[in-house]
PDB file of all heavy atoms in Angstrom:
ATOM      1  N   ASP A   1      20.187 -16.210  -2.473  1.00  0.00           N
ATOM      2  CA  ASP A   1      21.546 -15.733  -2.805  1.00  0.00           C
ATOM      3  C   ASP A   1      21.802 -14.366  -2.148  1.00  0.00           C
ATOM      4  O   ASP A   1      22.963 -13.911  -2.192  1.00  0.00           O
ATOM      5  CB  ASP A   1      21.742 -15.693  -4.317  1.00  0.00           C
ATOM      6  CG  ASP A   1      20.698 -14.866  -5.076  1.00  0.00           C
ATOM      7  OD1 ASP A   1      19.672 -14.506  -4.486  1.00  0.00           O
ATOM      8  OD2 ASP A   1      20.968 -14.498  -6.219  1.00  0.00           O
ATOM      9  N   CYS A   2      20.743 -13.741  -1.588  1.00  0.00           N
ATOM     10  CA  CYS A   2      20.995 -12.467  -0.908  1.00  0.00           C
ATOM     11  C   CYS A   2      21.033 -12.737   0.610  1.00  0.00           C
ATOM     12  O   CYS A   2      21.844 -12.160   1.282  1.00  0.00           O
ATOM     13  CB  CYS A   2      19.806 -11.559  -1.193  1.00  0.00           C
ATOM     14  SG  CYS A   2      19.732 -10.923  -2.851  1.00  0.00           S
ATOM     15  N   PHE A   3      20.053 -13.527   1.140  1.00  0.00           N
ATOM     16  CA  PHE A   3      20.029 -13.866   2.555  1.00  0.00           C
ATOM     17  C   PHE A   3      19.209 -15.132   2.741  1.00  0.00           C
ATOM     18  O   PHE A   3      18.031 -15.173   2.424  1.00  0.00           O
ATOM     19  CB  PHE A   3      19.334 -12.706   3.349  1.00  0.00           C
ATOM     20  CG  PHE A   3      19.473 -12.966   4.828  1.00  0.00           C
ATOM     21  CD1 PHE A   3      20.656 -12.851   5.543  1.00  0.00           C
ATOM     22  CD2 PHE A   3      18.320 -13.256   5.623  1.00  0.00           C
ATOM     23  CE1 PHE A   3      20.689 -13.065   6.954  1.00  0.00           C
ATOM     24  CE2 PHE A   3      18.408 -13.420   6.998  1.00  0.00           C
ATOM     25  CZ  PHE A   3      19.609 -13.335   7.564  1.00  0.00           C
ATOM     26  N   SER A   4      19.865 -16.224   3.117  1.00  0.00           N
ATOM     27  CA  SER A   4      19.262 -17.510   3.282  1.00  0.00           C
ATOM     28  C   SER A   4      19.044 -17.889   4.711  1.00  0.00           C
ATOM     29  O   SER A   4      19.552 -17.237   5.606  1.00  0.00           O
ATOM     30  CB  SER A   4      20.142 -18.590   2.576  1.00  0.00           C
ATOM     31  OG  SER A   4      21.285 -18.772   3.344  1.00  0.00           O
ATOM     32  N   ILE A   5      18.321 -18.923   4.885  1.00  0.00           N
ATOM     33  CA  ILE A   5      18.133 -19.428   6.273  1.00  0.00           C
ATOM     34  C   ILE A   5      19.505 -19.890   6.886  1.00  0.00           C
ATOM     35  O   ILE A   5      19.737 -19.733   8.091  1.00  0.00           O
ATOM     36  CB  ILE A   5      17.057 -20.602   6.342  1.00  0.00           C
ATOM     37  CG1 ILE A   5      16.668 -20.836   7.787  1.00  0.00           C
ATOM     38  CG2 ILE A   5      17.600 -21.879   5.683  1.00  0.00           C
ATOM     39  CD1 ILE A   5      15.401 -21.604   8.002  1.00  0.00           C
ATOM     40  N   ASP A   6      20.429 -20.344   6.016  1.00  0.00           N
ATOM     41  CA  ASP A   6      21.782 -20.662   6.519  1.00  0.00           C
ATOM     42  C   ASP A   6      22.567 -19.470   6.946  1.00  0.00           C
ATOM     43  O   ASP A   6      23.324 -19.481   7.918  1.00  0.00           O
ATOM     44  CB  ASP A   6      22.497 -21.500   5.533  1.00  0.00           C
ATOM     45  CG  ASP A   6      21.902 -22.921   5.302  1.00  0.00           C
ATOM     46  OD1 ASP A   6      21.422 -23.431   6.222  1.00  0.00           O
ATOM     47  OD2 ASP A   6      21.943 -23.364   4.142  1.00  0.00           O
ATOM     48  N   ASP A   7      22.292 -18.339   6.227  1.00  0.00           N
ATOM     49  CA  ASP A   7      22.877 -17.061   6.672  1.00  0.00           C
ATOM     50  C   ASP A   7      22.408 -16.668   8.009  1.00  0.00           C
ATOM     51  O   ASP A   7      23.117 -16.168   8.885  1.00  0.00           O
ATOM     52  CB  ASP A   7      22.606 -15.967   5.639  1.00  0.00           C
ATOM     53  CG  ASP A   7      23.286 -16.186   4.273  1.00  0.00           C
ATOM     54  OD1 ASP A   7      24.371 -16.807   4.182  1.00  0.00           O
ATOM     55  OD2 ASP A   7      22.653 -15.769   3.262  1.00  0.00           O
ATOM     56  N   LEU A   8      21.062 -16.774   8.243  1.00  0.00           N
ATOM     57  CA  LEU A   8      20.496 -16.452   9.523  1.00  0.00           C
ATOM     58  C   LEU A   8      21.063 -17.361  10.646  1.00  0.00           C
ATOM     59  O   LEU A   8      21.437 -16.874  11.653  1.00  0.00           O
ATOM     60  CB  LEU A   8      18.929 -16.572   9.468  1.00  0.00           C
ATOM     61  CG  LEU A   8      18.241 -16.396  10.782  1.00  0.00           C
ATOM     62  CD1 LEU A   8      18.492 -14.994  11.366  1.00  0.00           C
ATOM     63  CD2 LEU A   8      16.749 -16.593  10.603  1.00  0.00           C
ATOM     64  N   ARG A   9      21.133 -18.623  10.346  1.00  0.00           N
ATOM     65  CA  ARG A   9      21.720 -19.566  11.414  1.00  0.00           C
ATOM     66  C   ARG A   9      23.098 -19.222  11.715  1.00  0.00           C
ATOM     67  O   ARG A   9      23.524 -19.438  12.842  1.00  0.00           O
ATOM     68  CB  ARG A   9      21.520 -21.035  10.860  1.00  0.00           C
ATOM     69  CG  ARG A   9      21.970 -22.019  11.927  1.00  0.00           C
ATOM     70  CD  ARG A   9      21.602 -23.450  11.563  1.00  0.00           C
ATOM     71  NE  ARG A   9      21.904 -23.806  10.179  1.00  0.00           N
ATOM     72  CZ  ARG A   9      21.631 -24.967   9.606  1.00  0.00           C
ATOM     73  NH1 ARG A   9      21.027 -25.881  10.342  1.00  0.00           N
ATOM     74  NH2 ARG A   9      21.976 -25.230   8.416  1.00  0.00           N
ATOM     75  N   ALA A  10      23.849 -18.693  10.776  1.00  0.00           N
ATOM     76  CA  ALA A  10      25.302 -18.358  11.008  1.00  0.00           C
ATOM     77  C   ALA A  10      25.520 -17.020  11.706  1.00  0.00           C
ATOM     78  O   ALA A  10      26.608 -16.736  12.159  1.00  0.00           O
ATOM     79  CB  ALA A  10      26.056 -18.315   9.689  1.00  0.00           C
ATOM     80  N   ARG A  11      24.475 -16.198  11.920  1.00  0.00           N
ATOM     81  CA  ARG A  11      24.593 -14.911  12.554  1.00  0.00           C
ATOM     82  C   ARG A  11      24.836 -15.114  14.079  1.00  0.00           C
ATOM     83  O   ARG A  11      24.386 -16.079  14.667  1.00  0.00           O
ATOM     84  CB  ARG A  11      23.384 -14.105  12.342  1.00  0.00           C
ATOM     85  CG  ARG A  11      23.110 -13.589  10.965  1.00  0.00           C
ATOM     86  CD  ARG A  11      24.065 -12.471  10.617  1.00  0.00           C
ATOM     87  NE  ARG A  11      24.154 -12.149   9.213  1.00  0.00           N
ATOM     88  CZ  ARG A  11      23.466 -11.141   8.629  1.00  0.00           C
ATOM     89  NH1 ARG A  11      22.706 -10.320   9.407  1.00  0.00           N
ATOM     90  NH2 ARG A  11      23.515 -10.897   7.354  1.00  0.00           N
ATOM     91  N   PRO A  12      25.440 -14.114  14.686  1.00  0.00           N
ATOM     92  CA  PRO A  12      25.565 -14.204  16.168  1.00  0.00           C
ATOM     93  C   PRO A  12      24.304 -14.345  16.771  1.00  0.00           C
ATOM     94  O   PRO A  12      23.321 -13.678  16.446  1.00  0.00           O
ATOM     95  CB  PRO A  12      26.310 -12.854  16.492  1.00  0.00           C
ATOM     96  CG  PRO A  12      27.044 -12.447  15.223  1.00  0.00           C
ATOM     97  CD  PRO A  12      26.136 -12.986  14.117  1.00  0.00           C
ATOM     98  N   LYS A  13      24.173 -15.219  17.750  1.00  0.00           N
ATOM     99  CA  LYS A  13      22.899 -15.561  18.472  1.00  0.00           C
ATOM    100  C   LYS A  13      21.790 -15.967  17.499  1.00  0.00           C
ATOM    101  O   LYS A  13      20.591 -15.996  17.880  1.00  0.00           O
ATOM    102  CB  LYS A  13      22.480 -14.328  19.257  1.00  0.00           C
ATOM    103  CG  LYS A  13      23.431 -14.011  20.398  1.00  0.00           C
ATOM    104  CD  LYS A  13      22.985 -12.906  21.262  1.00  0.00           C
ATOM    105  CE  LYS A  13      23.998 -12.547  22.323  1.00  0.00           C
ATOM    106  NZ  LYS A  13      23.550 -11.470  23.199  1.00  0.00           N
ATOM    107  N   GLN A  14      22.112 -16.189  16.196  1.00  0.00           N
ATOM    108  CA  GLN A  14      21.206 -16.616  15.186  1.00  0.00           C
ATOM    109  C   GLN A  14      20.022 -15.598  15.025  1.00  0.00           C
ATOM    110  O   GLN A  14      18.887 -15.881  14.757  1.00  0.00           O
ATOM    111  CB  GLN A  14      20.613 -18.037  15.502  1.00  0.00           C
ATOM    112  CG  GLN A  14      21.752 -19.090  15.525  1.00  0.00           C
ATOM    113  CD  GLN A  14      21.300 -20.435  15.742  1.00  0.00           C
ATOM    114  OE1 GLN A  14      20.339 -20.667  16.562  1.00  0.00           O
ATOM    115  NE2 GLN A  14      21.889 -21.448  15.036  1.00  0.00           N
ATOM    116  N   ILE A  15      20.392 -14.320  15.167  1.00  0.00           N
ATOM    117  CA  ILE A  15      19.425 -13.218  15.083  1.00  0.00           C
ATOM    118  C   ILE A  15      19.909 -12.254  13.999  1.00  0.00           C
ATOM    119  O   ILE A  15      21.066 -11.969  13.924  1.00  0.00           O
ATOM    120  CB  ILE A  15      19.237 -12.502  16.408  1.00  0.00           C
ATOM    121  CG1 ILE A  15      18.647 -13.425  17.443  1.00  0.00           C
ATOM    122  CG2 ILE A  15      18.401 -11.226  16.296  1.00  0.00           C
ATOM    123  CD1 ILE A  15      18.588 -12.851  18.853  1.00  0.00           C
ATOM    124  N   SER A  16      18.933 -11.682  13.243  1.00  0.00           N
ATOM    125  CA  SER A  16      19.284 -10.716  12.291  1.00  0.00           C
ATOM    126  C   SER A  16      18.086  -9.793  11.972  1.00  0.00           C
ATOM    127  O   SER A  16      16.917 -10.208  12.106  1.00  0.00           O
ATOM    128  CB  SER A  16      19.604 -11.419  10.940  1.00  0.00           C
ATOM    129  OG  SER A  16      19.844 -10.501   9.906  1.00  0.00           O
ATOM    130  N   PRO A  17      18.394  -8.515  11.623  1.00  0.00           N
ATOM    131  CA  PRO A  17      17.327  -7.646  11.175  1.00  0.00           C
ATOM    132  C   PRO A  17      16.726  -8.176   9.812  1.00  0.00           C
ATOM    133  O   PRO A  17      17.469  -8.746   9.015  1.00  0.00           O
ATOM    134  CB  PRO A  17      18.005  -6.346  10.882  1.00  0.00           C
ATOM    135  CG  PRO A  17      19.313  -6.422  11.536  1.00  0.00           C
ATOM    136  CD  PRO A  17      19.696  -7.834  11.627  1.00  0.00           C
ATOM    137  N   TRP A  18      15.414  -8.069   9.666  1.00  0.00           N
ATOM    138  CA  TRP A  18      14.826  -8.411   8.375  1.00  0.00           C
ATOM    139  C   TRP A  18      14.599  -7.069   7.709  1.00  0.00           C
ATOM    140  O   TRP A  18      13.611  -6.391   7.792  1.00  0.00           O
ATOM    141  CB  TRP A  18      13.442  -9.140   8.653  1.00  0.00           C
ATOM    142  CG  TRP A  18      12.997  -9.820   7.383  1.00  0.00           C
ATOM    143  CD1 TRP A  18      12.232  -9.308   6.411  1.00  0.00           C
ATOM    144  CD2 TRP A  18      13.320 -11.087   6.977  1.00  0.00           C
ATOM    145  NE1 TRP A  18      12.017 -10.216   5.435  1.00  0.00           N
ATOM    146  CE2 TRP A  18      12.711 -11.403   5.739  1.00  0.00           C
ATOM    147  CE3 TRP A  18      14.064 -12.143   7.557  1.00  0.00           C
ATOM    148  CZ2 TRP A  18      12.778 -12.577   5.070  1.00  0.00           C
ATOM    149  CZ3 TRP A  18      14.195 -13.340   6.870  1.00  0.00           C
ATOM    150  CH2 TRP A  18      13.519 -13.553   5.698  1.00  0.00           C
ATOM    151  N   ASP A  19      15.671  -6.633   6.955  1.00  0.00           N
ATOM    152  CA  ASP A  19      15.695  -5.349   6.429  1.00  0.00           C
ATOM    153  C   ASP A  19      15.436  -5.338   4.917  1.00  0.00           C
ATOM    154  O   ASP A  19      15.311  -6.411   4.312  1.00  0.00           O
ATOM    155  CB  ASP A  19      17.050  -4.635   6.705  1.00  0.00           C
ATOM    156  CG  ASP A  19      18.217  -5.380   6.109  1.00  0.00           C
ATOM    157  OD1 ASP A  19      18.091  -6.362   5.328  1.00  0.00           O
ATOM    158  OD2 ASP A  19      19.355  -4.998   6.385  1.00  0.00           O
ATOM    159  N   GLY A  20      15.374  -4.136   4.371  1.00  0.00           N
ATOM    160  CA  GLY A  20      15.262  -4.031   2.862  1.00  0.00           C
ATOM    161  C   GLY A  20      13.848  -4.189   2.298  1.00  0.00           C
ATOM    162  O   GLY A  20      13.685  -4.166   1.050  1.00  0.00           O
ATOM    163  N   VAL A  21      12.822  -4.349   3.171  1.00  0.00           N
ATOM    164  CA  VAL A  21      11.456  -4.455   2.611  1.00  0.00           C
ATOM    165  C   VAL A  21      11.042  -3.115   2.110  1.00  0.00           C
ATOM    166  O   VAL A  21      11.090  -2.129   2.837  1.00  0.00           O
ATOM    167  CB  VAL A  21      10.511  -4.947   3.726  1.00  0.00           C
ATOM    168  CG1 VAL A  21       9.098  -4.923   3.272  1.00  0.00           C
ATOM    169  CG2 VAL A  21      10.938  -6.364   4.117  1.00  0.00           C
ATOM    170  N   ARG A  22      10.634  -3.047   0.856  1.00  0.00           N
ATOM    171  CA  ARG A  22      10.291  -1.735   0.230  1.00  0.00           C
ATOM    172  C   ARG A  22       8.907  -1.831  -0.447  1.00  0.00           C
ATOM    173  O   ARG A  22       8.664  -1.479  -1.561  1.00  0.00           O
ATOM    174  CB  ARG A  22      11.352  -1.340  -0.789  1.00  0.00           C
ATOM    175  CG  ARG A  22      12.693  -1.110  -0.223  1.00  0.00           C
ATOM    176  CD  ARG A  22      12.731   0.082   0.776  1.00  0.00           C
ATOM    177  NE  ARG A  22      14.025   0.353   1.365  1.00  0.00           N
ATOM    178  CZ  ARG A  22      14.411  -0.074   2.560  1.00  0.00           C
ATOM    179  NH1 ARG A  22      13.648  -0.863   3.247  1.00  0.00           N
ATOM    180  NH2 ARG A  22      15.604   0.239   2.946  1.00  0.00           N
ATOM    181  N   ASN A  23       7.951  -2.319   0.382  1.00  0.00           N
ATOM    182  CA  ASN A  23       6.499  -2.345   0.017  1.00  0.00           C
ATOM    183  C   ASN A  23       5.733  -1.795   1.166  1.00  0.00           C
ATOM    184  O   ASN A  23       6.003  -2.296   2.334  1.00  0.00           O
ATOM    185  CB  ASN A  23       6.124  -3.747  -0.411  1.00  0.00           C
ATOM    186  CG  ASN A  23       4.662  -3.896  -0.610  1.00  0.00           C
ATOM    187  OD1 ASN A  23       3.882  -3.923   0.332  1.00  0.00           O
ATOM    188  ND2 ASN A  23       4.258  -3.961  -1.879  1.00  0.00           N
ATOM    189  N   PHE A  24       4.872  -0.867   0.958  1.00  0.00           N
ATOM    190  CA  PHE A  24       4.191  -0.221   2.100  1.00  0.00           C
ATOM    191  C   PHE A  24       3.276  -1.250   2.851  1.00  0.00           C
ATOM    192  O   PHE A  24       3.180  -1.163   4.057  1.00  0.00           O
ATOM    193  CB  PHE A  24       3.407   0.937   1.647  1.00  0.00           C
ATOM    194  CG  PHE A  24       4.293   2.119   1.293  1.00  0.00           C
ATOM    195  CD1 PHE A  24       4.485   2.547  -0.016  1.00  0.00           C
ATOM    196  CD2 PHE A  24       4.947   2.879   2.311  1.00  0.00           C
ATOM    197  CE1 PHE A  24       5.292   3.599  -0.271  1.00  0.00           C
ATOM    198  CE2 PHE A  24       5.772   3.924   2.023  1.00  0.00           C
ATOM    199  CZ  PHE A  24       5.981   4.281   0.724  1.00  0.00           C
ATOM    200  N   GLN A  25       2.632  -2.105   2.149  1.00  0.00           N
ATOM    201  CA  GLN A  25       1.745  -3.094   2.821  1.00  0.00           C
ATOM    202  C   GLN A  25       2.559  -3.997   3.743  1.00  0.00           C
ATOM    203  O   GLN A  25       2.170  -4.192   4.868  1.00  0.00           O
ATOM    204  CB  GLN A  25       0.918  -3.818   1.803  1.00  0.00           C
ATOM    205  CG  GLN A  25      -0.109  -4.755   2.432  1.00  0.00           C
ATOM    206  CD  GLN A  25      -0.908  -5.504   1.344  1.00  0.00           C
ATOM    207  OE1 GLN A  25      -0.763  -5.267   0.111  1.00  0.00           O
ATOM    208  NE2 GLN A  25      -1.899  -6.306   1.741  1.00  0.00           N
ATOM    209  N   ALA A  26       3.683  -4.487   3.228  1.00  0.00           N
ATOM    210  CA  ALA A  26       4.526  -5.348   4.036  1.00  0.00           C
ATOM    211  C   ALA A  26       5.160  -4.558   5.175  1.00  0.00           C
ATOM    212  O   ALA A  26       5.269  -5.034   6.280  1.00  0.00           O
ATOM    213  CB  ALA A  26       5.614  -5.959   3.121  1.00  0.00           C
ATOM    214  N   ARG A  27       5.578  -3.325   4.864  1.00  0.00           N
ATOM    215  CA  ARG A  27       6.136  -2.473   5.954  1.00  0.00           C
ATOM    216  C   ARG A  27       5.165  -2.269   7.089  1.00  0.00           C
ATOM    217  O   ARG A  27       5.472  -2.350   8.252  1.00  0.00           O
ATOM    218  CB  ARG A  27       6.496  -1.095   5.325  1.00  0.00           C
ATOM    219  CG  ARG A  27       7.121  -0.171   6.319  1.00  0.00           C
ATOM    220  CD  ARG A  27       6.519   1.141   6.594  1.00  0.00           C
ATOM    221  NE  ARG A  27       5.171   1.482   6.308  1.00  0.00           N
ATOM    222  CZ  ARG A  27       4.842   2.698   5.815  1.00  0.00           C
ATOM    223  NH1 ARG A  27       5.676   3.635   5.619  1.00  0.00           N
ATOM    224  NH2 ARG A  27       3.596   2.989   5.570  1.00  0.00           N
TER     225      ARG A  27
END
């Protein structure tokens, strides 16, 4: 409901930043 695979597919060139990660290990 925030960002789905369909949202990614709908982006220009089907590319998007993967933003909003707020965990140091994942970062």
